[in-house]
Amino acid sequence: MAPITKKSAKGKAPKVTKKFVINASQPASDKIFDVSAFEKFLTEKIKVEGRVGNLGETIKISQVGDGKIEIVAHNELSGRYLKYLTKKFLKKMQLRDWLRVVSTSRGVYELKFFNVVNDEAEEDEE
């Protein structure tokens, strides 16, 4: 059985507006993450209706504040897809070993450093 979707009076599905925020302020303040390059990457890579570079009026990507990127989508766009693209960008920039993408709340993703335990201090004790 197909899922039931509510339709408006004209027979079209109602507009869905989703807002996502990717917070990269911590690595951006340490000067290891380029927010403008990430914004450009998202603009080039997000697929709309199966095509890359087809954003048009449906998806708006903008920098908000220091190291934050806001994505406003007027169509179906999943947060999981944005997390996937963020990981892809980190891999491309060879930052995947130091940074991870964590969902802090609904629609908000944050780039955090891995907690690195100081192994040298443990070796000195032996």
PDB file of N, CA and C in Angstrom:
ATOM      1  N   MET A   1       0.823  -1.186   0.000  1.00  0.00           N
ATOM      2  CA  MET A   1       0.000   0.000   0.000  1.00  0.00           C
ATOM      3  C   MET A   1       0.864   1.246   0.000  1.00  0.00           C
ATOM      4  N   ALA A   2       0.466   2.218  -0.783  1.00  0.00           N
ATOM      5  CA  ALA A   2       1.219   3.465  -0.867  1.00  0.00           C
ATOM      6  C   ALA A   2       0.888   4.338   0.340  1.00  0.00           C
ATOM      7  N   PRO A   3       1.866   5.146   0.819  1.00  0.00           N
ATOM      8  CA  PRO A   3       1.582   6.031   1.945  1.00  0.00           C
ATOM      9  C   PRO A   3       0.585   7.115   1.550  1.00  0.00           C
ATOM     10  N   ILE A   4      -0.241   7.493   2.471  1.00  0.00           N
ATOM     11  CA  ILE A   4      -1.259   8.499   2.214  1.00  0.00           C
ATOM     12  C   ILE A   4      -0.639   9.875   2.435  1.00  0.00           C
ATOM     13  N   THR A   5      -0.811  10.735   1.445  1.00  0.00           N
ATOM     14  CA  THR A   5      -0.317  12.099   1.571  1.00  0.00           C
ATOM     15  C   THR A   5      -1.491  13.043   1.443  1.00  0.00           C
ATOM     16  N   LYS A   6      -1.485  14.081   2.231  1.00  0.00           N
ATOM     17  CA  LYS A   6      -2.554  15.072   2.159  1.00  0.00           C
ATOM     18  C   LYS A   6      -2.302  15.976   0.962  1.00  0.00           C
ATOM     19  N   LYS A   7      -3.380  16.310   0.277  1.00  0.00           N
ATOM     20  CA  LYS A   7      -3.249  17.189  -0.882  1.00  0.00           C
ATOM     21  C   LYS A   7      -4.083  18.437  -0.654  1.00  0.00           C
ATOM     22  N   SER A   8      -3.654  19.519  -1.256  1.00  0.00           N
ATOM     23  CA  SER A   8      -4.410  20.755  -1.137  1.00  0.00           C
ATOM     24  C   SER A   8      -5.566  20.735  -2.123  1.00  0.00           C
ATOM     25  N   ALA A   9      -6.322  21.819  -2.171  1.00  0.00           N
ATOM     26  CA  ALA A   9      -7.512  21.875  -3.011  1.00  0.00           C
ATOM     27  C   ALA A   9      -7.183  21.778  -4.502  1.00  0.00           C
ATOM     28  N   LYS A  10      -6.001  22.209  -4.889  1.00  0.00           N
ATOM     29  CA  LYS A  10      -5.625  22.180  -6.305  1.00  0.00           C
ATOM     30  C   LYS A  10      -5.104  20.817  -6.744  1.00  0.00           C
ATOM     31  N   GLY A  11      -4.942  19.880  -5.809  1.00  0.00           N
ATOM     32  CA  GLY A  11      -4.483  18.547  -6.168  1.00  0.00           C
ATOM     33  C   GLY A  11      -2.986  18.365  -6.057  1.00  0.00           C
ATOM     34  N   LYS A  12      -2.284  19.400  -5.643  1.00  0.00           N
ATOM     35  CA  LYS A  12      -0.834  19.297  -5.475  1.00  0.00           C
ATOM     36  C   LYS A  12      -0.521  19.043  -4.018  1.00  0.00           C
ATOM     37  N   ALA A  13       0.617  18.412  -3.767  1.00  0.00           N
ATOM     38  CA  ALA A  13       1.051  18.185  -2.395  1.00  0.00           C
ATOM     39  C   ALA A  13       1.413  19.530  -1.760  1.00  0.00           C
ATOM     40  N   PRO A  14       1.185  19.709  -0.465  1.00  0.00           N
ATOM     41  CA  PRO A  14       1.528  20.982   0.174  1.00  0.00           C
ATOM     42  C   PRO A  14       3.035  21.194   0.188  1.00  0.00           C
ATOM     43  N   LYS A  15       3.425  22.473   0.193  1.00  0.00           N
ATOM     44  CA  LYS A  15       4.856  22.782   0.204  1.00  0.00           C
ATOM     45  C   LYS A  15       5.470  22.402   1.532  1.00  0.00           C
ATOM     46  N   VAL A  16       6.622  21.760   1.451  1.00  0.00           N
ATOM     47  CA  VAL A  16       7.356  21.359   2.644  1.00  0.00           C
ATOM     48  C   VAL A  16       8.584  22.254   2.737  1.00  0.00           C
ATOM     49  N   THR A  17       8.733  22.936   3.848  1.00  0.00           N
ATOM     50  CA  THR A  17       9.901  23.781   4.043  1.00  0.00           C
ATOM     51  C   THR A  17      10.685  23.240   5.233  1.00  0.00           C
ATOM     52  N   LYS A  18      11.939  22.895   4.969  1.00  0.00           N
ATOM     53  CA  LYS A  18      12.806  22.391   6.028  1.00  0.00           C
ATOM     54  C   LYS A  18      14.011  23.313   6.147  1.00  0.00           C
ATOM     55  N   LYS A  19      14.473  23.471   7.378  1.00  0.00           N
ATOM     56  CA  LYS A  19      15.633  24.323   7.637  1.00  0.00           C
ATOM     57  C   LYS A  19      16.688  23.489   8.350  1.00  0.00           C
ATOM     58  N   PHE A  20      17.896  23.503   7.807  1.00  0.00           N
ATOM     59  CA  PHE A  20      19.014  22.772   8.400  1.00  0.00           C
ATOM     60  C   PHE A  20      20.140  23.762   8.683  1.00  0.00           C
ATOM     61  N   VAL A  21      20.882  23.496   9.753  1.00  0.00           N
ATOM     62  CA  VAL A  21      22.040  24.319  10.104  1.00  0.00           C
ATOM     63  C   VAL A  21      23.225  23.390  10.310  1.00  0.00           C
ATOM     64  N   ILE A  22      24.331  23.696   9.644  1.00  0.00           N
ATOM     65  CA  ILE A  22      25.570  22.953   9.859  1.00  0.00           C
ATOM     66  C   ILE A  22      26.534  23.914  10.541  1.00  0.00           C
ATOM     67  N   ASN A  23      26.871  23.604  11.783  1.00  0.00           N
ATOM     68  CA  ASN A  23      27.704  24.471  12.607  1.00  0.00           C
ATOM     69  C   ASN A  23      29.154  23.990  12.554  1.00  0.00           C
ATOM     70  N   ALA A  24      30.000  24.760  11.886  1.00  0.00           N
ATOM     71  CA  ALA A  24      31.422  24.421  11.799  1.00  0.00           C
ATOM     72  C   ALA A  24      32.261  25.518  12.438  1.00  0.00           C
ATOM     73  N   SER A  25      31.708  26.189  13.443  1.00  0.00           N
ATOM     74  CA  SER A  25      32.408  27.332  14.037  1.00  0.00           C
ATOM     75  C   SER A  25      33.669  26.924  14.798  1.00  0.00           C
ATOM     76  N   GLN A  26      33.652  25.757  15.441  1.00  0.00           N
ATOM     77  CA  GLN A  26      34.830  25.332  16.213  1.00  0.00           C
ATOM     78  C   GLN A  26      36.033  25.076  15.298  1.00  0.00           C
ATOM     79  N   PRO A  27      35.929  24.229  14.245  1.00  0.00           N
ATOM     80  CA  PRO A  27      37.092  24.054  13.361  1.00  0.00           C
ATOM     81  C   PRO A  27      37.397  25.289  12.511  1.00  0.00           C
ATOM     82  N   ALA A  28      36.384  26.106  12.220  1.00  0.00           N
ATOM     83  CA  ALA A  28      36.625  27.321  11.430  1.00  0.00           C
ATOM     84  C   ALA A  28      37.423  28.335  12.237  1.00  0.00           C
ATOM     85  N   SER A  29      37.181  28.394  13.538  1.00  0.00           N
ATOM     86  CA  SER A  29      37.940  29.334  14.371  1.00  0.00           C
ATOM     87  C   SER A  29      39.390  28.891  14.524  1.00  0.00           C
ATOM     88  N   ASP A  30      39.641  27.583  14.384  1.00  0.00           N
ATOM     89  CA  ASP A  30      41.011  27.067  14.434  1.00  0.00           C
ATOM     90  C   ASP A  30      41.708  27.126  13.074  1.00  0.00           C
ATOM     91  N   LYS A  31      41.024  27.670  12.084  1.00  0.00           N
ATOM     92  CA  LYS A  31      41.553  27.884  10.726  1.00  0.00           C
ATOM     93  C   LYS A  31      41.916  26.580   9.998  1.00  0.00           C
ATOM     94  N   ILE A  32      41.209  25.475  10.297  1.00  0.00           N
ATOM     95  CA  ILE A  32      41.467  24.247   9.541  1.00  0.00           C
ATOM     96  C   ILE A  32      40.296  23.901   8.621  1.00  0.00           C
ATOM     97  N   PHE A  33      39.194  24.641   8.729  1.00  0.00           N
ATOM     98  CA  PHE A  33      38.006  24.361   7.927  1.00  0.00           C
ATOM     99  C   PHE A  33      37.591  25.624   7.196  1.00  0.00           C
ATOM    100  N   ASP A  34      37.466  25.519   5.865  1.00  0.00           N
ATOM    101  CA  ASP A  34      37.082  26.654   5.034  1.00  0.00           C
ATOM    102  C   ASP A  34      35.578  26.605   4.791  1.00  0.00           C
ATOM    103  N   VAL A  35      34.841  27.499   5.434  1.00  0.00           N
ATOM    104  CA  VAL A  35      33.384  27.484   5.373  1.00  0.00           C
ATOM    105  C   VAL A  35      32.885  27.871   3.986  1.00  0.00           C
ATOM    106  N   SER A  36      33.533  28.841   3.349  1.00  0.00           N
ATOM    107  CA  SER A  36      33.087  29.268   2.019  1.00  0.00           C
ATOM    108  C   SER A  36      33.299  28.169   0.980  1.00  0.00           C
ATOM    109  N   ALA A  37      34.377  27.402   1.112  1.00  0.00           N
ATOM    110  CA  ALA A  37      34.605  26.274   0.199  1.00  0.00           C
ATOM    111  C   ALA A  37      33.560  25.186   0.421  1.00  0.00           C
ATOM    112  N   PHE A  38      33.160  24.985   1.668  1.00  0.00           N
ATOM    113  CA  PHE A  38      32.127  24.006   1.986  1.00  0.00           C
ATOM    114  C   PHE A  38      30.776  24.433   1.421  1.00  0.00           C
ATOM    115  N   GLU A  39      30.487  25.735   1.515  1.00  0.00           N
ATOM    116  CA  GLU A  39      29.242  26.264   0.954  1.00  0.00           C
ATOM    117  C   GLU A  39      29.204  26.061  -0.559  1.00  0.00           C
ATOM    118  N   LYS A  40      30.322  26.309  -1.224  1.00  0.00           N
ATOM    119  CA  LYS A  40      30.428  26.109  -2.675  1.00  0.00           C
ATOM    120  C   LYS A  40      30.268  24.628  -3.023  1.00  0.00           C
ATOM    121  N   PHE A  41      30.867  23.749  -2.212  1.00  0.00           N
ATOM    122  CA  PHE A  41      30.770  22.300  -2.413  1.00  0.00           C
ATOM    123  C   PHE A  41      29.307  21.849  -2.337  1.00  0.00           C
ATOM    124  N   LEU A  42      28.585  22.341  -1.327  1.00  0.00           N
ATOM    125  CA  LEU A  42      27.176  21.971  -1.186  1.00  0.00           C
ATOM    126  C   LEU A  42      26.352  22.467  -2.368  1.00  0.00           C
ATOM    127  N   THR A  43      26.634  23.677  -2.822  1.00  0.00           N
ATOM    128  CA  THR A  43      25.915  24.234  -3.963  1.00  0.00           C
ATOM    129  C   THR A  43      26.123  23.385  -5.208  1.00  0.00           C
ATOM    130  N   GLU A  44      27.332  22.869  -5.386  1.00  0.00           N
ATOM    131  CA  GLU A  44      27.631  22.066  -6.570  1.00  0.00           C
ATOM    132  C   GLU A  44      27.121  20.635  -6.455  1.00  0.00           C
ATOM    133  N   LYS A  45      27.054  20.072  -5.250  1.00  0.00           N
ATOM    134  CA  LYS A  45      26.807  18.643  -5.087  1.00  0.00           C
ATOM    135  C   LYS A  45      25.380  18.243  -4.721  1.00  0.00           C
ATOM    136  N   ILE A  46      24.577  19.143  -4.160  1.00  0.00           N
ATOM    137  CA  ILE A  46      23.216  18.756  -3.747  1.00  0.00           C
ATOM    138  C   ILE A  46      22.383  18.445  -4.984  1.00  0.00           C
ATOM    139  N   LYS A  47      21.742  17.284  -4.946  1.00  0.00           N
ATOM    140  CA  LYS A  47      20.899  16.859  -6.058  1.00  0.00           C
ATOM    141  C   LYS A  47      19.452  17.250  -5.802  1.00  0.00           C
ATOM    142  N   VAL A  48      18.814  17.802  -6.830  1.00  0.00           N
ATOM    143  CA  VAL A  48      17.389  18.093  -6.803  1.00  0.00           C
ATOM    144  C   VAL A  48      16.770  17.367  -7.985  1.00  0.00           C
ATOM    145  N   GLU A  49      15.802  16.514  -7.704  1.00  0.00           N
ATOM    146  CA  GLU A  49      15.144  15.698  -8.722  1.00  0.00           C
ATOM    147  C   GLU A  49      16.155  14.877  -9.519  1.00  0.00           C
ATOM    148  N   GLY A  50      17.168  14.364  -8.830  1.00  0.00           N
ATOM    149  CA  GLY A  50      18.150  13.476  -9.443  1.00  0.00           C
ATOM    150  C   GLY A  50      19.224  14.153 -10.265  1.00  0.00           C
ATOM    151  N   ARG A  51      19.280  15.475 -10.235  1.00  0.00           N
ATOM    152  CA  ARG A  51      20.283  16.194 -11.027  1.00  0.00           C
ATOM    153  C   ARG A  51      21.106  17.125 -10.153  1.00  0.00           C
ATOM    154  N   VAL A  52      22.408  17.124 -10.380  1.00  0.00           N
ATOM    155  CA  VAL A  52      23.324  18.003  -9.656  1.00  0.00           C
ATOM    156  C   VAL A  52      23.274  19.387 -10.296  1.00  0.00           C
ATOM    157  N   GLY A  53      23.408  20.424  -9.495  1.00  0.00           N
ATOM    158  CA  GLY A  53      23.417  21.790 -10.016  1.00  0.00           C
ATOM    159  C   GLY A  53      22.045  22.262 -10.425  1.00  0.00           C
ATOM    160  N   ASN A  54      21.011  21.736  -9.789  1.00  0.00           N
ATOM    161  CA  ASN A  54      19.636  22.041 -10.151  1.00  0.00           C
ATOM    162  C   ASN A  54      18.919  22.696  -8.971  1.00  0.00           C
ATOM    163  N   LEU A  55      19.623  23.533  -8.193  1.00  0.00           N
ATOM    164  CA  LEU A  55      19.040  24.092  -6.981  1.00  0.00           C
ATOM    165  C   LEU A  55      17.883  25.035  -7.265  1.00  0.00           C
ATOM    166  N   GLY A  56      18.108  26.004  -8.139  1.00  0.00           N
ATOM    167  CA  GLY A  56      17.054  26.947  -8.488  1.00  0.00           C
ATOM    168  C   GLY A  56      16.519  27.683  -7.279  1.00  0.00           C
ATOM    169  N   GLU A  57      15.189  27.793  -7.200  1.00  0.00           N
ATOM    170  CA  GLU A  57      14.534  28.492  -6.100  1.00  0.00           C
ATOM    171  C   GLU A  57      14.173  27.553  -4.956  1.00  0.00           C
ATOM    172  N   THR A  58      14.379  26.241  -5.143  1.00  0.00           N
ATOM    173  CA  THR A  58      13.916  25.283  -4.141  1.00  0.00           C
ATOM    174  C   THR A  58      14.831  25.182  -2.934  1.00  0.00           C
ATOM    175  N   ILE A  59      16.132  25.382  -3.109  1.00  0.00           N
ATOM    176  CA  ILE A  59      17.082  25.258  -1.996  1.00  0.00           C
ATOM    177  C   ILE A  59      17.963  26.503  -1.934  1.00  0.00           C
ATOM    178  N   LYS A  60      18.032  27.092  -0.751  1.00  0.00           N
ATOM    179  CA  LYS A  60      18.881  28.260  -0.519  1.00  0.00           C
ATOM    180  C   LYS A  60      19.965  27.890   0.478  1.00  0.00           C
ATOM    181  N   ILE A  61      21.216  28.166   0.130  1.00  0.00           N
ATOM    182  CA  ILE A  61      22.353  27.892   0.997  1.00  0.00           C
ATOM    183  C   ILE A  61      23.015  29.228   1.316  1.00  0.00           C
ATOM    184  N   SER A  62      23.186  29.507   2.612  1.00  0.00           N
ATOM    185  CA  SER A  62      23.796  30.782   2.984  1.00  0.00           C
ATOM    186  C   SER A  62      24.632  30.624   4.253  1.00  0.00           C
ATOM    187  N   GLN A  63      25.632  31.498   4.376  1.00  0.00           N
ATOM    188  CA  GLN A  63      26.461  31.528   5.571  1.00  0.00           C
ATOM    189  C   GLN A  63      25.789  32.419   6.596  1.00  0.00           C
ATOM    190  N   VAL A  64      25.683  31.911   7.812  1.00  0.00           N
ATOM    191  CA  VAL A  64      25.063  32.673   8.892  1.00  0.00           C
ATOM    192  C   VAL A  64      26.055  32.750  10.031  1.00  0.00           C
ATOM    193  N   GLY A  65      26.411  33.948  10.406  1.00  0.00           N
ATOM    194  CA  GLY A  65      27.324  34.110  11.540  1.00  0.00           C
ATOM    195  C   GLY A  65      28.712  33.581  11.225  1.00  0.00           C
ATOM    196  N   ASP A  66      29.407  33.189  12.275  1.00  0.00           N
ATOM    197  CA  ASP A  66      30.787  32.734  12.148  1.00  0.00           C
ATOM    198  C   ASP A  66      30.834  31.219  12.047  1.00  0.00           C
ATOM    199  N   GLY A  67      31.010  30.694  10.837  1.00  0.00           N
ATOM    200  CA  GLY A  67      31.187  29.266  10.648  1.00  0.00           C
ATOM    201  C   GLY A  67      29.914  28.452  10.609  1.00  0.00           C
ATOM    202  N   LYS A  68      28.780  29.087  10.397  1.00  0.00           N
ATOM    203  CA  LYS A  68      27.513  28.353  10.313  1.00  0.00           C
ATOM    204  C   LYS A  68      26.957  28.470   8.900  1.00  0.00           C
ATOM    205  N   ILE A  69      26.433  27.353   8.404  1.00  0.00           N
ATOM    206  CA  ILE A  69      25.795  27.335   7.095  1.00  0.00           C
ATOM    207  C   ILE A  69      24.351  26.935   7.297  1.00  0.00           C
ATOM    208  N   GLU A  70      23.450  27.698   6.685  1.00  0.00           N
ATOM    209  CA  GLU A  70      22.015  27.433   6.798  1.00  0.00           C
ATOM    210  C   GLU A  70      21.488  26.989   5.439  1.00  0.00           C
ATOM    211  N   ILE A  71      20.747  25.885   5.428  1.00  0.00           N
ATOM    212  CA  ILE A  71      20.144  25.364   4.206  1.00  0.00           C
ATOM    213  C   ILE A  71      18.639  25.383   4.404  1.00  0.00           C
ATOM    214  N   VAL A  72      17.941  26.110   3.539  1.00  0.00           N
ATOM    215  CA  VAL A  72      16.482  26.156   3.574  1.00  0.00           C
ATOM    216  C   VAL A  72      15.992  25.473   2.312  1.00  0.00           C
ATOM    217  N   ALA A  73      15.229  24.378   2.496  1.00  0.00           N
ATOM    218  CA  ALA A  73      14.753  23.591   1.365  1.00  0.00           C
ATOM    219  C   ALA A  73      13.240  23.668   1.303  1.00  0.00           C
ATOM    220  N   HIS A  74      12.715  23.962   0.111  1.00  0.00           N
ATOM    221  CA  HIS A  74      11.272  23.998  -0.109  1.00  0.00           C
ATOM    222  C   HIS A  74      10.793  22.714  -0.783  1.00  0.00           C
ATOM    223  N   ASN A  75      11.587  21.667  -0.683  1.00  0.00           N
ATOM    224  CA  ASN A  75      11.211  20.353  -1.203  1.00  0.00           C
ATOM    225  C   ASN A  75      11.748  19.295  -0.252  1.00  0.00           C
ATOM    226  N   GLU A  76      11.623  18.053  -0.619  1.00  0.00           N
ATOM    227  CA  GLU A  76      12.116  16.976   0.247  1.00  0.00           C
ATOM    228  C   GLU A  76      13.646  16.950   0.221  1.00  0.00           C
ATOM    229  N   LEU A  77      14.246  17.173   1.357  1.00  0.00           N
ATOM    230  CA  LEU A  77      15.692  17.090   1.521  1.00  0.00           C
ATOM    231  C   LEU A  77      15.930  16.510   2.906  1.00  0.00           C
ATOM    232  N   SER A  78      16.713  15.448   2.962  1.00  0.00           N
ATOM    233  CA  SER A  78      16.917  14.806   4.257  1.00  0.00           C
ATOM    234  C   SER A  78      18.199  15.312   4.919  1.00  0.00           C
ATOM    235  N   GLY A  79      18.163  15.328   6.229  1.00  0.00           N
ATOM    236  CA  GLY A  79      19.336  15.711   6.993  1.00  0.00           C
ATOM    237  C   GLY A  79      20.440  14.687   6.845  1.00  0.00           C
ATOM    238  N   ARG A  80      20.041  13.436   6.645  1.00  0.00           N
ATOM    239  CA  ARG A  80      21.002  12.356   6.449  1.00  0.00           C
ATOM    240  C   ARG A  80      21.842  12.607   5.194  1.00  0.00           C
ATOM    241  N   TYR A  81      21.201  13.134   4.147  1.00  0.00           N
ATOM    242  CA  TYR A  81      21.905  13.449   2.897  1.00  0.00           C
ATOM    243  C   TYR A  81      22.927  14.570   3.126  1.00  0.00           C
ATOM    244  N   LEU A  82      22.554  15.569   3.927  1.00  0.00           N
ATOM    245  CA  LEU A  82      23.490  16.654   4.235  1.00  0.00           C
ATOM    246  C   LEU A  82      24.664  16.153   5.067  1.00  0.00           C
ATOM    247  N   LYS A  83      24.392  15.213   5.982  1.00  0.00           N
ATOM    248  CA  LYS A  83      25.460  14.624   6.781  1.00  0.00           C
ATOM    249  C   LYS A  83      26.412  13.844   5.876  1.00  0.00           C
ATOM    250  N   TYR A  84      25.843  13.110   4.913  1.00  0.00           N
ATOM    251  CA  TYR A  84      26.647  12.354   3.949  1.00  0.00           C
ATOM    252  C   TYR A  84      27.538  13.294   3.135  1.00  0.00           C
ATOM    253  N   LEU A  85      26.983  14.393   2.644  1.00  0.00           N
ATOM    254  CA  LEU A  85      27.772  15.346   1.849  1.00  0.00           C
ATOM    255  C   LEU A  85      28.850  16.023   2.698  1.00  0.00           C
ATOM    256  N   THR A  86      28.548  16.279   3.971  1.00  0.00           N
ATOM    257  CA  THR A  86      29.535  16.882   4.865  1.00  0.00           C
ATOM    258  C   THR A  86      30.707  15.933   5.076  1.00  0.00           C
ATOM    259  N   LYS A  87      30.401  14.650   5.276  1.00  0.00           N
ATOM    260  CA  LYS A  87      31.465  13.657   5.431  1.00  0.00           C
ATOM    261  C   LYS A  87      32.299  13.553   4.159  1.00  0.00           C
ATOM    262  N   LYS A  88      31.634  13.642   3.017  1.00  0.00           N
ATOM    263  CA  LYS A  88      32.332  13.576   1.727  1.00  0.00           C
ATOM    264  C   LYS A  88      33.299  14.753   1.576  1.00  0.00           C
ATOM    265  N   PHE A  89      32.868  15.943   2.006  1.00  0.00           N
ATOM    266  CA  PHE A  89      33.731  17.122   1.947  1.00  0.00           C
ATOM    267  C   PHE A  89      34.925  16.973   2.886  1.00  0.00           C
ATOM    268  N   LEU A  90      34.679  16.449   4.096  1.00  0.00           N
ATOM    269  CA  LEU A  90      35.771  16.242   5.046  1.00  0.00           C
ATOM    270  C   LEU A  90      36.793  15.261   4.488  1.00  0.00           C
ATOM    271  N   LYS A  91      36.322  14.222   3.826  1.00  0.00           N
ATOM    272  CA  LYS A  91      37.221  13.230   3.222  1.00  0.00           C
ATOM    273  C   LYS A  91      38.053  13.871   2.110  1.00  0.00           C
ATOM    274  N   LYS A  92      37.399  14.709   1.294  1.00  0.00           N
ATOM    275  CA  LYS A  92      38.076  15.386   0.191  1.00  0.00           C
ATOM    276  C   LYS A  92      39.179  16.315   0.698  1.00  0.00           C
ATOM    277  N   MET A  93      38.912  16.993   1.819  1.00  0.00           N
ATOM    278  CA  MET A  93      39.878  17.921   2.396  1.00  0.00           C
ATOM    279  C   MET A  93      40.833  17.245   3.385  1.00  0.00           C
ATOM    280  N   GLN A  94      40.737  15.923   3.504  1.00  0.00           N
ATOM    281  CA  GLN A  94      41.578  15.115   4.393  1.00  0.00           C
ATOM    282  C   GLN A  94      41.462  15.557   5.848  1.00  0.00           C
ATOM    283  N   LEU A  95      40.223  15.858   6.258  1.00  0.00           N
ATOM    284  CA  LEU A  95      39.955  16.249   7.637  1.00  0.00           C
ATOM    285  C   LEU A  95      39.133  15.200   8.376  1.00  0.00           C
ATOM    286  N   ARG A  96      38.814  14.107   7.695  1.00  0.00           N
ATOM    287  CA  ARG A  96      37.923  13.084   8.249  1.00  0.00           C
ATOM    288  C   ARG A  96      38.531  12.400   9.473  1.00  0.00           C
ATOM    289  N   ASP A  97      39.875  12.396   9.590  1.00  0.00           N
ATOM    290  CA  ASP A  97      40.537  11.764  10.724  1.00  0.00           C
ATOM    291  C   ASP A  97      40.432  12.601  12.005  1.00  0.00           C
ATOM    292  N   TRP A  98      40.131  13.895  11.878  1.00  0.00           N
ATOM    293  CA  TRP A  98      40.101  14.782  13.034  1.00  0.00           C
ATOM    294  C   TRP A  98      38.710  15.288  13.379  1.00  0.00           C
ATOM    295  N   LEU A  99      37.828  15.339  12.389  1.00  0.00           N
ATOM    296  CA  LEU A  99      36.500  15.904  12.619  1.00  0.00           C
ATOM    297  C   LEU A  99      35.417  14.864  12.400  1.00  0.00           C
ATOM    298  N   ARG A 100      34.307  15.021  13.127  1.00  0.00           N
ATOM    299  CA  ARG A 100      33.151  14.164  12.916  1.00  0.00           C
ATOM    300  C   ARG A 100      31.903  15.025  12.892  1.00  0.00           C
ATOM    301  N   VAL A 101      30.843  14.502  12.287  1.00  0.00           N
ATOM    302  CA  VAL A 101      29.590  15.220  12.155  1.00  0.00           C
ATOM    303  C   VAL A 101      28.612  14.646  13.179  1.00  0.00           C
ATOM    304  N   VAL A 102      28.114  15.507  14.062  1.00  0.00           N
ATOM    305  CA  VAL A 102      27.225  15.072  15.129  1.00  0.00           C
ATOM    306  C   VAL A 102      25.935  15.882  15.052  1.00  0.00           C
ATOM    307  N   SER A 103      24.799  15.201  15.164  1.00  0.00           N
ATOM    308  CA  SER A 103      23.517  15.889  15.206  1.00  0.00           C
ATOM    309  C   SER A 103      23.247  16.315  16.646  1.00  0.00           C
ATOM    310  N   THR A 104      23.175  17.627  16.873  1.00  0.00           N
ATOM    311  CA  THR A 104      22.950  18.117  18.230  1.00  0.00           C
ATOM    312  C   THR A 104      21.467  18.257  18.538  1.00  0.00           C
ATOM    313  N   SER A 105      20.668  18.585  17.543  1.00  0.00           N
ATOM    314  CA  SER A 105      19.220  18.626  17.689  1.00  0.00           C
ATOM    315  C   SER A 105      18.616  18.438  16.300  1.00  0.00           C
ATOM    316  N   ARG A 106      17.302  18.440  16.221  1.00  0.00           N
ATOM    317  CA  ARG A 106      16.638  18.177  14.946  1.00  0.00           C
ATOM    318  C   ARG A 106      16.994  19.262  13.921  1.00  0.00           C
ATOM    319  N   GLY A 107      17.633  18.844  12.835  1.00  0.00           N
ATOM    320  CA  GLY A 107      17.991  19.772  11.768  1.00  0.00           C
ATOM    321  C   GLY A 107      19.273  20.544  12.012  1.00  0.00           C
ATOM    322  N   VAL A 108      19.975  20.252  13.106  1.00  0.00           N
ATOM    323  CA  VAL A 108      21.222  20.963  13.419  1.00  0.00           C
ATOM    324  C   VAL A 108      22.351  19.945  13.506  1.00  0.00           C
ATOM    325  N   TYR A 109      23.382  20.158  12.694  1.00  0.00           N
ATOM    326  CA  TYR A 109      24.555  19.292  12.695  1.00  0.00           C
ATOM    327  C   TYR A 109      25.758  20.127  13.087  1.00  0.00           C
ATOM    328  N   GLU A 110      26.666  19.504  13.824  1.00  0.00           N
ATOM    329  CA  GLU A 110      27.839  20.220  14.297  1.00  0.00           C
ATOM    330  C   GLU A 110      29.086  19.418  13.985  1.00  0.00           C
ATOM    331  N   LEU A 111      30.143  20.115  13.578  1.00  0.00           N
ATOM    332  CA  LEU A 111      31.429  19.473  13.340  1.00  0.00           C
ATOM    333  C   LEU A 111      32.236  19.562  14.628  1.00  0.00           C
ATOM    334  N   LYS A 112      32.612  18.404  15.144  1.00  0.00           N
ATOM    335  CA  LYS A 112      33.359  18.355  16.395  1.00  0.00           C
ATOM    336  C   LYS A 112      34.656  17.599  16.184  1.00  0.00           C
ATOM    337  N   PHE A 113      35.654  17.941  17.010  1.00  0.00           N
ATOM    338  CA  PHE A 113      36.912  17.220  16.985  1.00  0.00           C
ATOM    339  C   PHE A 113      36.742  15.895  17.720  1.00  0.00           C
ATOM    340  N   PHE A 114      37.454  14.864  17.250  1.00  0.00           N
ATOM    341  CA  PHE A 114      37.495  13.612  17.996  1.00  0.00           C
ATOM    342  C   PHE A 114      38.220  13.861  19.305  1.00  0.00           C
ATOM    343  N   ASN A 115      37.801  13.193  20.366  1.00  0.00           N
ATOM    344  CA  ASN A 115      38.504  13.302  21.645  1.00  0.00           C
ATOM    345  C   ASN A 115      39.750  12.428  21.579  1.00  0.00           C
ATOM    346  N   VAL A 116      40.901  13.058  21.522  1.00  0.00           N
ATOM    347  CA  VAL A 116      42.168  12.344  21.426  1.00  0.00           C
ATOM    348  C   VAL A 116      42.754  12.244  22.826  1.00  0.00           C
ATOM    349  N   VAL A 117      42.937  11.028  23.297  1.00  0.00           N
ATOM    350  CA  VAL A 117      43.517  10.807  24.617  1.00  0.00           C
ATOM    351  C   VAL A 117      45.033  10.914  24.492  1.00  0.00           C
ATOM    352  N   ASN A 118      45.645  11.543  25.442  1.00  0.00           N
ATOM    353  CA  ASN A 118      47.078  11.733  25.405  1.00  0.00           C
ATOM    354  C   ASN A 118      47.785  10.428  25.760  1.00  0.00           C
ATOM    355  N   ASP A 119      48.259   9.729  24.734  1.00  0.00           N
ATOM    356  CA  ASP A 119      48.911   8.416  24.935  1.00  0.00           C
ATOM    357  C   ASP A 119      50.307   8.562  25.520  1.00  0.00           C
ATOM    358  N   GLU A 120      50.962   9.681  25.289  1.00  0.00           N
ATOM    359  CA  GLU A 120      52.319   9.879  25.778  1.00  0.00           C
ATOM    360  C   GLU A 120      52.368   9.867  27.307  1.00  0.00           C
ATOM    361  N   ALA A 121      51.373  10.437  27.959  1.00  0.00           N
ATOM    362  CA  ALA A 121      51.346  10.487  29.426  1.00  0.00           C
ATOM    363  C   ALA A 121      51.209   9.082  29.996  1.00  0.00           C
ATOM    364  N   GLU A 122      50.443   8.242  29.335  1.00  0.00           N
ATOM    365  CA  GLU A 122      50.283   6.851  29.803  1.00  0.00           C
ATOM    366  C   GLU A 122      51.575   6.081  29.637  1.00  0.00           C
ATOM    367  N   GLU A 123      52.333   6.331  28.577  1.00  0.00           N
ATOM    368  CA  GLU A 123      53.581   5.621  28.344  1.00  0.00           C
ATOM    369  C   GLU A 123      54.642   6.027  29.372  1.00  0.00           C
ATOM    370  N   ASP A 124      54.632   7.273  29.818  1.00  0.00           N
ATOM    371  CA  ASP A 124      55.613   7.741  30.783  1.00  0.00           C
ATOM    372  C   ASP A 124      55.434   7.083  32.155  1.00  0.00           C
ATOM    373  N   GLU A 125      54.203   6.721  32.476  1.00  0.00           N
ATOM    374  CA  GLU A 125      53.931   6.117  33.789  1.00  0.00           C
ATOM    375  C   GLU A 125      54.502   4.715  33.915  1.00  0.00           C
ATOM    376  N   GLU A 126      54.655   4.023  32.819  1.00  0.00           N
ATOM    377  CA  GLU A 126      55.126   2.615  32.855  1.00  0.00           C
ATOM    378  C   GLU A 126      56.598   2.490  33.121  1.00  0.00           C
TER     379      GLU A 126
END
